[in-house]
Amino acid sequence: MRIRCRLGCSVDAVAIGLLARRVTRRWILPEQPGSAAGPLLYGMSAKVIRQKMLDGHRFHLAWQDDGRLAGVAAMRDDSHLFQFFVSTGLHGHGIARQLWQRTMRDAIRRAGTRHFTLKASAMAVPVYQHFGFRPSGPLLVSDTGLVTQPIHLDLP
């Protein structure tokens, strides 16, 4: 499968939000309390995504040849990955690895980043561990009840 990657812009916000919410409903929300759903999904709305882009957050996108969005990796401060989703039907095709490598290289090029962080859902931890991330503390519970595992990657 051929994937084309590029940096996202405001016109991509709707597609990003649709993919992120679809994957979140399928893989993340079933393991979370109901109180976490609203705030989590709101943070993936096109309006919020556009604002994050204006604030300098970088959204790296993977597109299929047919024009459908295959994945998104969003980075804040060239060091904190806060959204990372690949369309469910495309899991296992190397898209996540390709998207992560592009996002990581961009942060290294822009800021010399050697330390990356994120807060992962339980089901995603094995994917990140495959990329070299390691847990960096106990589970966190937000004020909405969202449970995440802080993890990090330190490059040599």
Protein backbone atom coordinates (compact mmCIF):
# COMPACT_ATOMS: atom_id res chain seq x y z
CA MET A 1 0.00 0.00 0.00
CA ARG A 2 1.37 3.38 -1.01
CA ILE A 3 0.99 6.19 1.51
CA ARG A 4 1.75 9.85 0.92
CA CYS A 5 2.67 11.91 4.00
CA ARG A 6 2.48 15.65 4.44
CA LEU A 7 2.00 18.28 7.08
CA GLY A 8 -1.64 19.07 7.80
CA CYS A 9 -3.29 22.46 7.43
CA SER A 10 -6.59 23.96 8.54
CA VAL A 11 -8.55 22.51 5.59
CA ASP A 12 -7.62 19.04 6.89
CA ALA A 13 -9.18 19.61 10.33
CA VAL A 14 -12.52 17.95 9.52
CA ALA A 15 -10.85 14.79 8.12
CA ILE A 16 -8.45 14.65 11.08
CA GLY A 17 -11.31 14.98 13.55
CA LEU A 18 -13.40 12.31 11.84
CA LEU A 19 -10.54 9.80 11.84
CA ALA A 20 -9.49 10.57 15.42
CA ARG A 21 -13.03 10.30 16.80
CA ARG A 22 -13.78 7.11 14.85
CA VAL A 23 -10.63 5.36 16.12
CA THR A 24 -11.16 6.71 19.65
CA ARG A 25 -14.72 5.37 19.80
CA ARG A 26 -13.54 1.95 18.60
CA TRP A 27 -10.34 1.48 20.61
CA ILE A 28 -10.06 3.95 23.49
CA LEU A 29 -13.51 4.75 24.88
CA PRO A 30 -14.51 1.14 25.66
CA GLU A 31 -11.79 1.02 28.34
CA GLN A 32 -12.56 4.48 29.76
CA PRO A 33 -15.31 5.76 32.08
CA GLY A 34 -18.28 7.42 30.38
CA SER A 35 -17.33 10.77 31.92
CA ALA A 36 -14.18 10.91 29.77
CA ALA A 37 -15.92 10.58 26.40
CA GLY A 38 -17.32 14.09 25.94
CA PRO A 39 -14.19 16.08 26.74
CA LEU A 40 -11.94 13.65 24.87
CA LEU A 41 -14.06 13.75 21.70
CA TYR A 42 -14.48 17.54 21.90
CA GLY A 43 -10.68 17.86 21.84
CA MET A 44 -10.79 16.13 18.45
CA SER A 45 -13.30 18.52 16.88
CA ALA A 46 -12.32 20.45 13.76
CA LYS A 47 -12.61 23.72 15.70
CA VAL A 48 -10.15 22.58 18.38
CA ILE A 49 -7.79 21.05 15.80
CA ARG A 50 -7.72 24.30 13.81
CA GLN A 51 -6.91 26.23 16.99
CA LYS A 52 -4.11 23.81 17.85
CA MET A 53 -2.66 24.34 14.38
CA LEU A 54 -2.79 28.11 14.92
CA ASP A 55 -1.02 27.55 18.25
CA GLY A 56 1.85 25.87 16.39
CA HIS A 57 1.02 22.20 16.96
CA ARG A 58 2.07 20.10 13.97
CA PHE A 59 -0.24 17.50 12.45
CA HIS A 60 1.51 14.98 10.22
CA LEU A 61 -0.88 13.15 7.93
CA ALA A 62 -0.71 9.89 5.97
CA TRP A 63 -2.98 9.78 2.91
CA GLN A 64 -3.98 6.82 0.77
CA ASP A 65 -3.78 7.08 -3.01
CA ASP A 66 -7.57 7.30 -3.17
CA GLY A 67 -7.52 10.50 -1.10
CA ARG A 68 -8.67 9.01 2.21
CA LEU A 69 -6.86 9.95 5.40
CA ALA A 70 -5.03 6.87 6.73
CA GLY A 71 -3.40 8.31 9.83
CA VAL A 72 -2.49 11.35 11.89
CA ALA A 73 0.33 12.13 14.32
CA ALA A 74 0.09 15.43 16.19
CA MET A 75 3.03 16.92 18.09
CA ARG A 76 3.17 19.81 20.56
CA ASP A 77 6.40 21.67 21.30
CA ASP A 78 8.32 19.30 19.02
CA SER A 79 8.39 16.77 21.86
CA HIS A 80 4.93 15.69 23.07
CA LEU A 81 2.82 13.44 20.87
CA PHE A 82 -0.81 14.16 21.77
CA GLN A 83 -2.70 12.44 18.95
CA PHE A 84 -1.65 9.36 17.04
CA PHE A 85 -4.24 7.43 15.06
CA VAL A 86 -4.28 5.06 12.12
CA SER A 87 -7.54 4.02 10.50
CA THR A 88 -8.64 0.68 11.99
CA GLY A 89 -8.84 -1.11 8.64
CA LEU A 90 -5.23 -0.17 7.92
CA HIS A 91 -3.64 -1.46 11.12
CA GLY A 92 -0.71 -3.79 10.49
CA HIS A 93 0.45 -2.18 7.22
CA GLY A 94 3.36 -0.16 8.64
CA ILE A 95 1.53 3.16 8.45
CA ALA A 96 2.00 3.90 12.15
CA ARG A 97 5.75 3.32 11.92
CA GLN A 98 6.07 5.47 8.79
CA LEU A 99 4.02 8.26 10.35
CA TRP A 100 5.94 8.14 13.65
CA GLN A 101 9.32 8.22 11.88
CA ARG A 102 8.26 11.24 9.84
CA THR A 103 6.95 13.05 12.93
CA MET A 104 10.06 12.23 14.95
CA ARG A 105 12.43 13.32 12.16
CA ASP A 106 10.56 16.62 11.84
CA ALA A 107 10.94 17.34 15.58
CA ILE A 108 14.62 16.41 15.50
CA ARG A 109 15.21 18.64 12.47
CA ARG A 110 13.24 21.58 13.87
CA ALA A 111 14.29 21.49 17.51
CA GLY A 112 16.98 18.85 17.99
CA THR A 113 14.55 16.86 20.13
CA ARG A 114 16.00 13.77 21.82
CA HIS A 115 13.23 13.19 24.43
CA PHE A 116 9.64 12.45 23.40
CA THR A 117 6.63 12.02 25.68
CA LEU A 118 2.99 11.04 25.44
CA LYS A 119 0.09 9.77 27.50
CA ALA A 120 -1.08 6.49 25.98
CA SER A 121 -4.29 4.56 26.30
CA ALA A 122 -3.80 1.01 27.58
CA MET A 123 -4.44 -0.60 24.19
CA ALA A 124 -1.84 1.62 22.49
CA VAL A 125 1.04 1.02 24.91
CA PRO A 126 2.32 -2.09 23.03
CA VAL A 127 2.44 -0.13 19.76
CA TYR A 128 4.52 2.61 21.35
CA GLN A 129 6.77 0.06 23.07
CA HIS A 130 7.44 -1.43 19.65
CA PHE A 131 8.74 2.05 18.65
CA GLY A 132 11.03 2.11 21.71
CA PHE A 133 8.89 4.07 24.19
CA ARG A 134 8.96 3.02 27.84
CA PRO A 135 6.57 3.75 30.75
CA SER A 136 7.69 6.80 32.73
CA GLY A 137 5.42 6.64 35.75
CA PRO A 138 2.20 5.28 37.18
CA LEU A 139 -1.16 5.50 35.43
CA LEU A 140 -2.68 8.98 35.40
CA VAL A 141 -6.35 9.76 35.89
CA SER A 142 -7.62 13.13 34.61
CA ASP A 143 -10.39 15.13 36.26
CA THR A 144 -12.80 13.58 33.72
CA GLY A 145 -11.67 10.06 34.64
CA LEU A 146 -9.55 9.45 31.52
CA VAL A 147 -6.88 6.87 32.36
CA THR A 148 -3.54 7.09 30.55
CA GLN A 149 -0.03 5.70 30.85
CA PRO A 150 2.75 8.30 30.61
CA ILE A 151 5.53 6.98 28.39
CA HIS A 152 8.70 8.41 26.90
CA LEU A 153 11.38 7.78 24.32
CA ASP A 154 14.96 8.94 24.78
CA LEU A 155 17.13 8.89 21.70
CA PRO A 156 20.88 8.29 22.01
